């Protein structure tokens, strides 16, 4: 599936699934996919290491949950399905502060860092 089609699918989804490694060894891992998902502003259900960077990011920006236990995932999905059936489908996620992760803001940040490095080089 090409990128445009993937974008359409994500935007038309009610919930996005992020699969990562549920291990302390993956605690510092962040995939580009999580930022892509955050940009779509759809709730994220992640299967990942709860105390790692993915869990921290989802909690900090209030845009998803990390759930690893099959029973808890089933309960969460049943709740989502019931809300959808009753046309009362919503999450309380706020997506606070995620705009700083969009490509324009990230590019500006890189340019500013580059300017600082170039200035420091010129001073040496």
Protein backbone atom coordinates (compact mmCIF):
# COMPACT_ATOMS: atom_id res chain seq x y z
CA UNK A 1 0.00 0.00 0.00
CA UNK A 2 1.46 3.39 -0.93
CA UNK A 3 1.92 6.24 1.56
CA UNK A 4 -1.15 8.21 0.43
CA UNK A 5 -3.36 5.16 0.91
CA UNK A 6 -1.83 4.50 4.33
CA UNK A 7 -2.58 8.11 5.34
CA UNK A 8 -6.22 7.72 4.26
CA UNK A 9 -6.57 4.47 6.19
CA UNK A 10 -5.08 6.00 9.32
CA UNK A 11 -7.27 9.10 9.13
CA UNK A 12 -10.40 6.96 8.68
CA UNK A 13 -9.52 4.68 11.59
CA UNK A 14 -11.08 4.96 15.01
CA UNK A 15 -8.08 3.51 16.82
CA UNK A 16 -4.47 2.90 15.78
CA UNK A 17 -2.45 -0.11 16.90
CA UNK A 18 1.26 0.19 17.62
CA UNK A 19 3.17 -3.04 18.18
CA UNK A 20 6.53 -2.79 19.89
CA UNK A 21 8.68 -4.98 22.08
CA UNK A 22 7.42 -5.37 25.65
CA UNK A 23 10.79 -5.57 27.34
CA UNK A 24 12.97 -3.32 29.51
CA UNK A 25 15.59 -3.74 26.77
CA UNK A 26 13.34 -1.64 24.54
CA UNK A 27 12.72 1.05 27.17
CA UNK A 28 14.52 3.77 25.20
CA UNK A 29 13.09 2.88 21.80
CA UNK A 30 10.78 5.23 19.93
CA UNK A 31 9.68 4.39 16.42
CA UNK A 32 8.82 6.93 13.76
CA UNK A 33 5.43 5.22 13.53
CA UNK A 34 4.36 6.58 16.93
CA UNK A 35 4.95 10.15 15.75
CA UNK A 36 3.11 9.40 12.51
CA UNK A 37 0.18 8.08 14.56
CA UNK A 38 0.24 11.08 16.89
CA UNK A 39 0.05 13.36 13.87
CA UNK A 40 -3.16 11.68 12.73
CA UNK A 41 -4.69 12.56 16.13
CA UNK A 42 -6.38 9.22 16.57
CA UNK A 43 -6.15 7.26 19.82
CA UNK A 44 -3.26 4.81 19.97
CA UNK A 45 -3.39 1.38 21.56
CA UNK A 46 0.19 0.28 22.01
CA UNK A 47 1.53 -3.08 22.96
CA UNK A 48 4.94 -2.05 24.27
CA UNK A 49 7.05 -1.73 27.39
CA UNK A 50 4.74 0.28 29.66
CA UNK A 51 7.57 2.06 31.52
CA UNK A 52 9.58 2.85 28.39
CA UNK A 53 9.64 5.91 26.16
CA UNK A 54 6.52 4.86 24.23
CA UNK A 55 4.45 4.67 27.41
CA UNK A 56 5.88 7.94 28.69
CA UNK A 57 5.16 9.70 25.40
CA UNK A 58 1.56 8.46 25.22
CA UNK A 59 0.95 9.43 28.83
CA UNK A 60 2.66 12.82 28.58
CA UNK A 61 0.67 13.86 25.52
CA UNK A 62 -2.48 12.02 26.58
CA UNK A 63 -3.00 10.34 23.21
CA UNK A 64 -3.10 6.61 23.90
CA UNK A 65 -2.56 3.65 26.17
CA UNK A 66 -0.05 0.88 26.55
CA UNK A 67 -1.82 -2.39 27.30
CA UNK A 68 -0.06 -5.75 27.20
CA UNK A 69 -2.29 -8.21 28.99
CA UNK A 70 -4.69 -10.00 26.59
CA UNK A 71 -7.60 -9.73 29.04
CA UNK A 72 -7.07 -5.99 29.47
CA UNK A 73 -6.80 -5.52 25.69
CA UNK A 74 -10.06 -7.46 25.22
CA UNK A 75 -11.84 -5.32 27.85
CA UNK A 76 -10.54 -2.12 26.25
CA UNK A 77 -11.58 -3.21 22.74
CA UNK A 78 -15.03 -4.35 23.93
CA UNK A 79 -15.51 -0.93 25.51
CA UNK A 80 -14.50 0.72 22.22
CA UNK A 81 -16.84 -1.51 20.21
CA UNK A 82 -19.78 -0.84 22.56
CA UNK A 83 -19.18 2.91 22.32
CA UNK A 84 -19.02 2.63 18.55
CA UNK A 85 -22.26 0.60 18.39
CA UNK A 86 -24.02 3.18 20.59
CA UNK A 87 -22.65 6.01 18.44
CA UNK A 88 -20.97 7.31 21.56
CA UNK A 89 -17.44 6.65 20.38
CA UNK A 90 -14.98 8.93 22.08
CA UNK A 91 -11.81 8.92 24.06
CA UNK A 92 -10.73 11.38 26.65
CA UNK A 93 -7.32 11.75 25.05
CA UNK A 94 -6.27 15.36 24.53
CA UNK A 95 -3.22 15.10 22.26
CA UNK A 96 -1.62 17.89 24.29
CA UNK A 97 1.54 19.40 22.90
CA UNK A 98 1.93 17.06 19.94
CA UNK A 99 2.09 19.83 17.37
CA UNK A 100 5.77 20.26 18.25
CA UNK A 101 6.37 16.89 16.58
CA UNK A 102 5.02 17.86 13.15
CA UNK A 103 7.48 18.00 10.25
CA UNK A 104 7.46 21.79 9.97
CA UNK A 105 8.32 22.32 13.63
CA UNK A 106 10.91 19.53 13.60
CA UNK A 107 12.54 21.04 10.49
CA UNK A 108 12.67 24.46 12.16
CA UNK A 109 14.32 22.88 15.18
CA UNK A 110 16.94 21.17 13.00
CA UNK A 111 17.66 24.46 11.17
CA UNK A 112 18.12 26.29 14.47
CA UNK A 113 20.50 23.59 15.74
CA UNK A 114 22.42 23.78 12.47
CA UNK A 115 22.76 27.56 12.83
CA UNK A 116 24.09 27.15 16.37
CA UNK A 117 26.64 24.55 15.22
CA UNK A 118 27.76 26.73 12.30
CA UNK A 119 28.14 29.72 14.61
CA UNK A 120 30.17 27.69 17.10
CA UNK A 121 32.39 26.41 14.27
CA UNK A 122 33.00 29.96 13.05
CA UNK A 123 34.08 30.99 16.55
CA UNK A 124 36.81 28.32 16.72
